[in-house]
Protein backbone atom coordinates (compact mmCIF):
# COMPACT_ATOMS: atom_id res chain seq x y z
CA MET A 1 -17.99 -8.89 2.33
CA SER A 2 -20.07 -9.18 5.54
CA VAL A 3 -19.43 -5.65 6.75
CA ALA A 4 -22.15 -3.74 8.61
CA THR A 5 -22.20 -0.33 10.25
CA THR A 6 -24.43 1.46 12.77
CA ALA A 7 -24.28 5.05 13.98
CA LEU A 8 -25.51 5.66 17.53
CA SER A 9 -27.54 8.75 18.32
CA ASN A 10 -24.55 10.31 20.10
CA GLY A 11 -22.35 9.99 17.00
CA LEU A 12 -20.34 6.91 17.98
CA ARG A 13 -19.96 4.50 15.07
CA VAL A 14 -20.08 0.70 15.20
CA VAL A 15 -18.62 -1.45 12.43
CA THR A 16 -18.30 -5.22 12.21
CA HIS A 17 -17.09 -7.84 9.78
CA ARG A 18 -18.51 -11.31 10.31
CA MET A 19 -15.93 -13.97 9.38
CA ALA A 20 -17.81 -17.27 9.37
CA SER A 21 -14.75 -19.52 9.24
CA VAL A 22 -13.13 -18.40 12.53
CA GLU A 23 -13.86 -19.06 16.21
CA THR A 24 -12.49 -15.80 17.62
CA VAL A 25 -13.56 -12.18 17.80
CA SER A 26 -11.25 -9.18 17.82
CA LEU A 27 -12.83 -5.95 18.95
CA GLY A 28 -11.98 -2.58 20.35
CA ALA A 29 -12.46 1.15 20.51
CA TRP A 30 -10.38 3.29 18.17
CA ILE A 31 -10.31 6.95 19.19
CA ASN A 32 -9.42 9.85 16.91
CA VAL A 33 -6.93 11.40 19.31
CA GLY A 34 -3.19 11.07 19.75
CA THR A 35 0.08 12.91 20.13
CA ARG A 36 -0.77 15.63 17.61
CA HIS A 37 -3.77 16.68 19.73
CA GLU A 38 -1.59 17.43 22.77
CA ARG A 39 -0.57 20.83 24.05
CA ALA A 40 3.18 21.40 23.98
CA GLU A 41 3.44 21.43 27.79
CA ALA A 42 1.57 18.10 28.02
CA ASN A 43 3.44 16.09 25.39
CA GLY A 44 3.05 12.43 26.39
CA ILE A 45 -0.37 12.77 28.01
CA ALA A 46 -2.16 10.65 25.37
CA HIS A 47 0.16 7.74 26.11
CA LEU A 48 -0.09 8.29 29.87
CA VAL A 49 -3.90 8.21 29.72
CA GLU A 50 -3.74 4.96 27.76
CA HIS A 51 -1.63 3.40 30.51
CA MET A 52 -3.80 4.72 33.33
CA ALA A 53 -7.00 3.29 31.82
CA PHE A 54 -5.78 -0.17 32.86
CA LYS A 55 -5.01 0.80 36.46
CA GLY A 56 -8.53 0.41 37.83
CA THR A 57 -12.08 1.66 37.43
CA SER A 58 -14.97 2.27 39.80
CA ARG A 59 -16.02 -1.36 39.17
CA ARG A 60 -12.72 -3.18 38.69
CA SER A 61 -9.25 -3.10 40.15
CA ALA A 62 -6.24 -3.34 37.84
CA ARG A 63 -5.87 -6.98 38.89
CA ALA A 64 -9.53 -7.70 38.18
CA ILE A 65 -9.22 -6.26 34.66
CA ALA A 66 -6.35 -8.62 33.91
CA GLU A 67 -7.96 -11.64 35.58
CA GLU A 68 -11.37 -11.24 33.92
CA ILE A 69 -10.05 -11.10 30.37
CA GLU A 70 -7.56 -13.91 30.95
CA SER A 71 -10.19 -16.08 32.67
CA VAL A 72 -11.73 -16.57 29.21
CA GLY A 73 -8.36 -16.92 27.49
CA GLY A 74 -8.53 -13.45 25.99
CA HIS A 75 -5.90 -10.79 25.35
CA LEU A 76 -6.35 -7.07 26.07
CA ASN A 77 -4.00 -4.36 24.90
CA ALA A 78 -3.75 -0.73 23.75
CA TYR A 79 -1.52 1.64 21.82
CA THR A 80 -1.07 5.35 21.19
CA SER A 81 0.06 6.88 17.91
CA ARG A 82 0.24 10.40 16.56
CA GLU A 83 -3.42 10.42 15.51
CA LEU A 84 -5.02 7.43 17.27
CA THR A 85 -5.47 5.78 20.64
CA ALA A 86 -6.81 2.22 20.57
CA PHE A 87 -8.00 -0.26 23.19
CA HIS A 88 -8.51 -3.71 21.72
CA ALA A 89 -9.02 -7.35 22.68
CA THR A 90 -9.23 -10.81 21.12
CA VAL A 91 -11.46 -13.47 22.67
CA LEU A 92 -13.32 -16.61 21.68
CA GLY A 93 -16.70 -16.13 20.03
CA GLY A 94 -19.31 -15.74 22.75
CA ASP A 95 -16.99 -13.80 25.07
CA GLU A 96 -17.11 -10.52 23.14
CA GLY A 97 -19.68 -9.12 25.57
CA LEU A 98 -17.23 -9.38 28.45
CA ALA A 99 -14.39 -7.86 26.43
CA LEU A 100 -16.61 -5.00 25.29
CA ASP A 101 -17.75 -4.34 28.85
CA ILE A 102 -14.16 -4.16 30.09
CA ILE A 103 -13.12 -1.78 27.29
CA ALA A 104 -16.15 0.45 27.87
CA ASP A 105 -15.42 0.44 31.61
CA ILE A 106 -11.75 1.45 31.35
CA LEU A 107 -12.54 4.16 28.81
CA GLN A 108 -15.34 5.76 30.81
CA HIS A 109 -14.77 4.94 34.46
CA ALA A 110 -11.03 4.93 35.13
CA VAL A 111 -10.44 6.20 38.68
CA LEU A 112 -6.98 7.63 37.93
CA ASP A 113 -5.78 6.97 41.46
CA ASP A 114 -2.90 9.24 42.53
CA GLU A 115 -0.77 6.37 43.86
CA GLU A 116 -1.32 4.36 40.70
CA LEU A 117 -0.44 7.44 38.67
CA GLU A 118 2.94 7.73 40.37
CA ARG A 119 3.66 4.05 39.83
CA GLU A 120 2.64 4.15 36.17
CA ARG A 121 4.56 7.38 35.63
CA ALA A 122 7.67 5.54 36.82
CA VAL A 123 6.94 2.72 34.35
CA ILE A 124 6.64 5.19 31.46
CA LEU A 125 9.83 6.99 32.47
CA ARG A 126 11.58 3.62 32.23
CA GLU A 127 9.95 3.10 28.83
CA ILE A 128 11.31 6.47 27.70
CA GLY A 129 14.73 5.48 29.03
CA GLN A 130 14.60 2.21 27.12
CA SER A 131 13.65 4.08 23.96
CA THR A 132 16.54 6.48 24.49
CA ASP A 133 18.84 3.45 24.66
CA THR A 134 17.50 2.19 21.31
CA PRO A 135 19.22 4.08 18.49
CA GLU A 136 16.52 3.34 15.89
CA ASP A 137 13.86 4.86 18.17
CA VAL A 138 15.99 7.95 18.72
CA VAL A 139 16.80 8.54 15.05
CA PHE A 140 13.15 8.17 14.02
CA ASP A 141 12.06 10.64 16.69
CA ASP A 142 14.77 13.03 15.46
CA PHE A 143 13.56 12.51 11.89
CA GLN A 144 9.95 13.31 12.81
CA ALA A 145 10.93 16.38 14.83
CA THR A 146 13.15 17.68 12.03
CA ALA A 147 10.46 17.21 9.39
CA PHE A 148 7.82 18.96 11.53
CA PRO A 149 9.71 21.20 13.97
CA ASP A 150 7.87 22.77 16.93
CA GLN A 151 4.57 21.13 15.95
CA PRO A 152 2.43 18.50 17.67
CA VAL A 153 2.86 16.00 14.82
CA GLY A 154 6.63 16.26 15.24
CA ARG A 155 6.72 15.47 18.95
CA PRO A 156 7.50 12.03 20.41
CA THR A 157 4.56 9.83 21.36
CA LEU A 158 6.13 8.92 24.72
CA GLY A 159 6.80 12.55 25.64
CA THR A 160 9.86 13.61 27.61
CA PRO A 161 10.79 12.74 31.20
CA GLN A 162 10.36 16.35 32.31
CA LEU A 163 6.90 16.78 30.78
CA VAL A 164 5.56 13.36 31.76
CA GLY A 165 6.87 13.91 35.26
CA ALA A 166 4.79 17.08 35.60
CA ILE A 167 1.41 15.78 34.37
CA GLY A 168 -1.05 15.51 37.26
CA ARG A 169 -4.39 13.79 37.73
CA ALA A 170 -6.41 16.92 36.91
CA ALA A 171 -4.78 17.11 33.48
CA LEU A 172 -5.71 13.49 32.79
CA VAL A 173 -9.34 14.08 33.80
CA ASP A 174 -9.53 17.14 31.55
CA TYR A 175 -7.93 15.30 28.62
CA ILE A 176 -10.39 12.39 28.83
CA ALA A 177 -13.35 14.76 29.09
CA ARG A 178 -12.20 16.71 26.04
CA PHE A 179 -11.25 13.86 23.74
CA TYR A 180 -12.83 10.56 24.81
CA THR A 181 -16.18 11.57 23.33
CA ALA A 182 -18.63 9.72 21.09
CA GLY A 183 -17.89 11.50 17.82
CA ARG A 184 -14.23 10.52 17.99
CA ILE A 185 -14.81 6.82 18.67
CA VAL A 186 -15.30 3.85 16.37
CA VAL A 187 -16.06 0.52 18.03
CA ALA A 188 -15.13 -2.30 15.66
CA ALA A 189 -15.27 -6.08 15.74
CA ALA A 190 -14.22 -8.80 13.31
CA GLY A 191 -14.66 -12.55 13.49
CA LYS A 192 -17.42 -14.66 14.96
CA VAL A 193 -19.76 -11.76 15.71
CA ASP A 194 -23.36 -10.84 14.96
CA HIS A 195 -23.64 -7.16 14.04
CA ASP A 196 -27.09 -6.39 15.43
CA GLU A 197 -26.37 -8.01 18.77
CA PHE A 198 -22.96 -6.35 18.99
CA ALA A 199 -24.40 -2.92 18.11
CA ARG A 200 -27.00 -3.30 20.88
CA ARG A 201 -24.24 -4.08 23.35
CA VAL A 202 -22.26 -1.06 22.21
CA GLU A 203 -25.37 1.10 22.64
CA ASP A 204 -25.75 -0.17 26.20
CA ALA A 205 -22.06 0.32 26.97
CA PHE A 206 -21.42 3.65 25.25
CA GLY A 207 -24.86 5.19 24.66
CA GLY A 208 -24.45 7.63 27.52
CA LEU A 209 -21.15 8.99 26.22
CA ARG A 210 -21.20 12.70 25.44
CA ALA A 211 -21.70 13.73 21.83
CA ASP A 212 -19.37 16.41 20.53
CA ALA A 213 -18.34 18.44 17.52
CA VAL A 214 -14.98 16.97 16.54
CA SER A 215 -12.38 19.60 15.70
CA ALA A 216 -9.32 18.99 13.55
CA PRO A 217 -5.84 19.17 15.11
CA GLU A 218 -3.38 21.94 14.35
CA PRO A 219 -2.50 21.72 10.63
CA ALA A 220 0.88 20.19 9.94
CA VAL A 221 3.52 22.16 8.04
CA TYR A 222 6.36 20.12 6.61
CA THR A 223 9.68 21.95 6.83
CA GLY A 224 12.46 19.40 6.45
CA GLY A 225 16.00 19.94 7.60
CA ASP A 226 19.12 18.32 8.99
CA SER A 227 19.72 16.57 12.34
CA ARG A 228 23.04 14.88 13.07
CA ALA A 229 24.05 13.55 16.46
CA VAL A 230 27.32 11.83 17.27
CA ARG A 231 27.03 8.88 19.65
CA ASP A 232 29.48 6.08 20.45
CA LEU A 233 27.73 3.26 18.59
CA GLU A 234 28.83 0.40 16.39
CA GLN A 235 26.34 1.33 13.67
CA LEU A 236 25.44 4.63 12.08
CA HIS A 237 21.67 5.02 11.80
CA LEU A 238 20.44 7.14 8.92
CA VAL A 239 16.95 8.25 7.90
CA LEU A 240 16.60 10.20 4.66
CA GLY A 241 13.12 11.43 3.81
CA LEU A 242 10.85 13.75 1.89
CA GLN A 243 7.42 15.26 2.30
CA GLY A 244 4.85 12.52 1.86
CA ILE A 245 1.09 12.57 1.31
CA ALA A 246 -2.11 12.23 3.34
CA HIS A 247 -4.29 9.14 3.55
CA ARG A 248 -6.87 10.42 1.10
CA ASP A 249 -4.45 11.80 -1.47
CA PRO A 250 -5.19 10.53 -5.02
CA ASP A 251 -1.55 9.39 -5.29
CA TYR A 252 -1.69 7.24 -2.13
CA TYR A 253 -1.51 3.95 -4.03
CA ALA A 254 1.14 5.30 -6.38
CA LEU A 255 3.36 6.11 -3.41
CA ALA A 256 2.73 2.69 -1.87
CA VAL A 257 3.84 0.97 -5.08
CA PHE A 258 6.80 3.34 -5.48
CA SER A 259 7.93 2.59 -1.90
CA ALA A 260 7.54 -1.16 -2.33
CA GLY A 261 9.63 -1.14 -5.49
CA LEU A 262 12.30 1.11 -4.07
CA GLY A 263 12.79 -0.45 -0.66
CA GLY A 264 9.95 -2.77 0.29
CA GLY A 265 11.45 -6.23 0.00
CA LEU A 266 14.40 -8.43 -0.88
CA SER A 267 13.98 -7.73 -4.60
CA SER A 268 13.71 -3.96 -4.13
CA ARG A 269 16.23 -1.63 -5.69
CA LEU A 270 17.75 -0.43 -2.44
CA PHE A 271 18.15 -3.92 -0.99
CA GLN A 272 19.63 -5.40 -4.15
CA ASP A 273 21.98 -2.50 -4.88
CA ILE A 274 23.15 -1.41 -1.44
CA ARG A 275 22.96 -4.61 0.58
CA GLU A 276 23.29 -7.53 -1.83
CA GLU A 277 25.60 -6.15 -4.52
CA ARG A 278 27.71 -3.80 -2.42
CA GLY A 279 27.38 -5.16 1.14
CA LEU A 280 27.20 -1.65 2.60
CA VAL A 281 24.35 -2.18 5.08
CA TYR A 282 22.71 -4.84 7.18
CA SER A 283 19.29 -3.20 7.03
CA ILE A 284 17.74 -0.82 4.52
CA TYR A 285 14.09 -0.18 3.70
CA SER A 286 11.68 2.55 2.66
CA PHE A 287 8.47 3.54 4.44
CA ASN A 288 5.47 5.80 4.05
CA SER A 289 3.73 7.42 7.04
CA SER A 290 0.44 9.04 6.09
CA TYR A 291 -1.68 11.23 8.35
CA ALA A 292 -4.97 13.08 7.97
CA ASP A 293 -3.43 16.11 6.24
CA CYS A 294 0.21 15.29 5.61
CA GLY A 295 2.75 12.53 5.38
CA LEU A 296 6.37 11.46 5.41
CA PHE A 297 8.22 9.23 3.00
CA GLY A 298 11.58 7.94 4.11
CA ILE A 299 14.41 5.45 3.82
CA TYR A 300 16.19 3.93 6.82
CA ALA A 301 19.67 2.46 6.64
CA GLY A 302 21.95 0.98 9.29
CA THR A 303 25.59 1.04 8.21
CA GLY A 304 29.17 1.56 9.34
CA ALA A 305 30.78 4.97 9.52
CA GLU A 306 33.22 4.04 6.75
CA SER A 307 30.37 3.18 4.37
CA ALA A 308 27.94 5.95 5.26
CA SER A 309 28.88 8.37 2.50
CA GLU A 310 28.48 5.74 -0.21
CA VAL A 311 25.17 4.60 1.29
CA VAL A 312 23.82 8.15 1.07
CA GLU A 313 25.10 8.51 -2.48
CA ARG A 314 23.56 5.22 -3.66
CA THR A 315 20.28 5.91 -1.83
CA CYS A 316 19.91 9.31 -3.47
CA ASP A 317 20.81 7.87 -6.85
CA ASN A 318 18.22 5.08 -6.60
CA LEU A 319 15.54 7.43 -5.37
CA ARG A 320 16.22 9.90 -8.15
CA THR A 321 16.47 7.43 -11.04
CA MET A 322 13.90 4.77 -10.17
CA ALA A 323 10.94 6.47 -11.83
CA GLY A 324 12.75 6.85 -15.15
CA GLU A 325 13.99 3.26 -15.18
CA VAL A 326 11.07 1.28 -13.76
CA ASP A 327 9.55 -1.34 -16.05
CA GLU A 328 6.36 -3.38 -15.96
CA ALA A 329 8.06 -6.42 -14.39
CA GLU A 330 9.36 -4.36 -11.50
CA LEU A 331 5.98 -2.67 -11.05
CA GLY A 332 4.31 -6.08 -11.13
CA ARG A 333 6.47 -7.35 -8.26
CA ALA A 334 5.72 -4.25 -6.19
CA ARG A 335 1.99 -4.49 -6.83
CA ALA A 336 1.95 -8.20 -6.03
CA GLN A 337 3.82 -7.61 -2.78
CA LEU A 338 1.33 -4.97 -1.67
CA LYS A 339 -1.75 -6.97 -2.62
CA ALA A 340 -0.47 -10.12 -0.93
CA GLY A 341 0.15 -8.20 2.28
CA ILE A 342 -3.36 -6.75 2.18
CA LEU A 343 -5.07 -10.06 1.48
CA MET A 344 -3.00 -12.05 3.98
CA SER A 345 -3.79 -9.56 6.73
CA LEU A 346 -7.52 -10.13 6.19
CA GLU A 347 -7.12 -13.68 7.52
CA SER A 348 -6.44 -12.24 11.00
CA THR A 349 -9.42 -11.02 13.01
CA ALA A 350 -7.20 -8.53 14.83
CA SER A 351 -5.85 -7.04 11.60
CA ARG A 352 -9.33 -6.90 10.10
CA ALA A 353 -10.85 -5.14 13.12
CA GLU A 354 -8.00 -2.62 13.01
CA GLN A 355 -8.49 -2.07 9.27
CA ILE A 356 -12.24 -1.46 9.36
CA ALA A 357 -11.92 0.87 12.34
CA ARG A 358 -9.24 2.92 10.61
CA HIS A 359 -11.26 3.06 7.41
CA MET A 360 -14.23 4.46 9.31
CA LEU A 361 -12.07 7.11 10.97
CA ILE A 362 -10.24 8.10 7.78
CA PHE A 363 -12.86 7.67 5.04
CA GLY A 364 -16.14 7.46 6.94
CA ARG A 365 -16.77 4.05 5.36
CA VAL A 366 -15.10 0.66 4.96
CA LEU A 367 -13.32 0.32 1.64
CA ALA A 368 -14.06 -2.90 -0.24
CA THR A 369 -10.99 -5.10 -0.64
CA SER A 370 -11.47 -4.96 -4.40
CA GLU A 371 -11.39 -1.16 -4.26
CA ILE A 372 -7.99 -1.29 -2.57
CA THR A 373 -6.49 -3.93 -4.86
CA ASP A 374 -7.89 -2.15 -7.92
CA GLY A 375 -6.19 1.03 -6.70
CA VAL A 376 -2.89 -0.84 -6.48
CA ASP A 377 -3.38 -2.44 -9.91
CA ALA A 378 -4.09 0.95 -11.48
CA VAL A 379 -0.59 2.23 -10.67
CA ASP A 380 1.40 2.38 -13.90
CA CYS A 381 4.77 3.80 -14.90
CA ALA A 382 3.26 7.25 -15.41
CA ALA A 383 1.92 7.27 -11.84
CA VAL A 384 5.34 6.28 -10.49
CA VAL A 385 6.97 9.13 -12.41
CA ARG A 386 4.34 11.54 -11.11
CA ILE A 387 4.78 10.60 -7.45
CA SER A 388 8.57 10.61 -7.78
CA ASP A 389 8.43 14.16 -9.11
CA ARG A 390 6.12 15.20 -6.26
CA LEU A 391 8.41 13.73 -3.62
CA ARG A 392 11.57 15.28 -4.96
CA ALA A 393 10.03 18.72 -5.45
CA GLY A 394 10.43 19.48 -1.75
CA ARG A 395 13.33 19.77 0.65
CA PRO A 396 14.65 16.58 2.25
CA THR A 397 14.77 15.64 5.91
CA VAL A 398 17.99 14.03 7.13
CA ALA A 399 18.49 12.43 10.54
CA VAL A 400 21.75 10.72 11.51
CA LEU A 401 22.79 9.09 14.78
CA GLY A 402 26.01 7.23 15.46
CA PRO A 403 29.78 7.48 15.16
CA GLU A 404 31.33 10.45 13.45
CA ALA A 405 31.34 9.96 9.69
CA ALA A 406 32.27 11.92 6.59
CA LEU A 407 28.78 12.39 5.19
CA PRO A 408 27.64 14.69 2.37
CA GLY A 409 26.30 18.03 3.55
CA TYR A 410 22.60 18.81 3.59
CA GLU A 411 22.65 20.94 0.47
CA GLU A 412 24.68 18.32 -1.37
CA ILE A 413 22.04 15.70 -0.48
CA ALA A 414 19.24 18.03 -1.57
CA SER A 415 21.00 18.60 -4.89
CA ALA A 416 21.54 14.86 -5.42
CA LEU A 417 17.80 14.24 -5.09
CA SER A 418 16.67 16.94 -7.50
């Protein structure tokens, strides 16, 4: 594996993976800051800063940023999550210097013009409105907020219209100064790239960035609970979850295999039982969201009001009984599904750059592919039983959005899972 790393004197880390068989390079800056680093009164500022970075720098207008990257056929984008903000690009080999210069420029020299701020604020308010009109977005935000009430990790990434509407330029400047610092940043590249040359370019572009002592965000405290909202919709949207685990938890791979077997594909228990055999849902799947110090495991189902009670009953039953019934064939399918997804993703330069950057931020090193697949292969029936017991030891989180339905009460659901 042609992975190389360099640490700059200011603490910024550079990591690359040379992929000799491709003609493209994907690169970017991944920053250890997101929604859970925000103050309550500034919820949404991480996402707003991400948007404003593209609205012009002291060297480039917003139009110039778009034209320069597209003049070489490249793509430039960004995203904000609860723990990360990323600015990334994909270009042809040989154009990575330009892409890196643009990313370094927008991260360090955004002008944050007041007129542009008002225009972009209006764009984000429309984005929030669109999310509010999307039931799945709403129910997942409700699920997160119910699992972690009154905590940064439980707040929506987009923020609220009232809070986003009140964030001024001074708050953006302060946020960037506090969090866009060298110790929080990993610059990664994958594809047709030479590490030494790329590291020199990163040194030139980011070497003057302030070093800092990176502090951890407010610790997360899982609470769980019940959120049910009636809305005039065709479908009832249900998320049923439990306290999950952090990225570096020893049972991380066990939970991944458990989730894949329970609701990760067409052969999974939930899909076969609830969709194929009973026809109760159109969509049902399980998921695992891991963070630095906590996590959430959950199951989403979209169903009709008349079927909702049976969906909850069958979901609880499958979640409760899977560990005791799982056999080697079922585990083998789950493991194969996970490993195939991992290995297939490595064929994409964008996915690989994302992976090595995240590894550096989470583990401080890039995990060998064999280390990951070996971790998956090591999951046996005993590990599945162990993680099932861990999940069900805590209180559930229930979030429901849609037409009024005769659903089991919260305590009844909690009892059905124990």
